[in-house]
Amino acid sequence: QVQLVESGGGLVQAGGSLRLSCAASGRSFNSFTMGWFRQAPGKEREFVASIGTISWSGIHRDYADSVKGRFTISRDNAKNTVYLQMNSLKPEDTAVYYCAATSQSSYQLIRQPSSYDSWGQGTQVTVSS
């Protein structure tokens, strides 16, 4: 497993931007697919974005339809950190955001929280209207 710590959450007005960071420690960070999930009060945890490991074909990124075009996931393996740049934020983006790590590589399975075995503590993002 890997230990994960998120940061960068806060309160922002609609239309604003935030960048979340997730610092990892432990086993080889570059061998994990990393994901961002979010959970709003009274709702299930939902997939936001994921980024795979570096391969001969590049790096696979995946986004939920609700954030596509507004959010960008990236990773810096030298810093053991994954980022989520969030632009054009909407009130419906308000949630606790979690970083997670998995050894899974299936494009379908990495959208499921159950595929991840390491989680951060979460960081609150609040978007006011």
Foldseek 3Di string as FASTA:
>chain_A
DKAKAKDWADEEAAQAKIKMKIAIDDPQLLLKKKFKWWDDPPGDIFGAKIWHHQDPVGIDIDGDPVQPPFWDWDDDSVRRMIMIIGGRDDQVVWTWMKMFIANDDDPVCVRDPVRTDYIYPTDTHGYHD
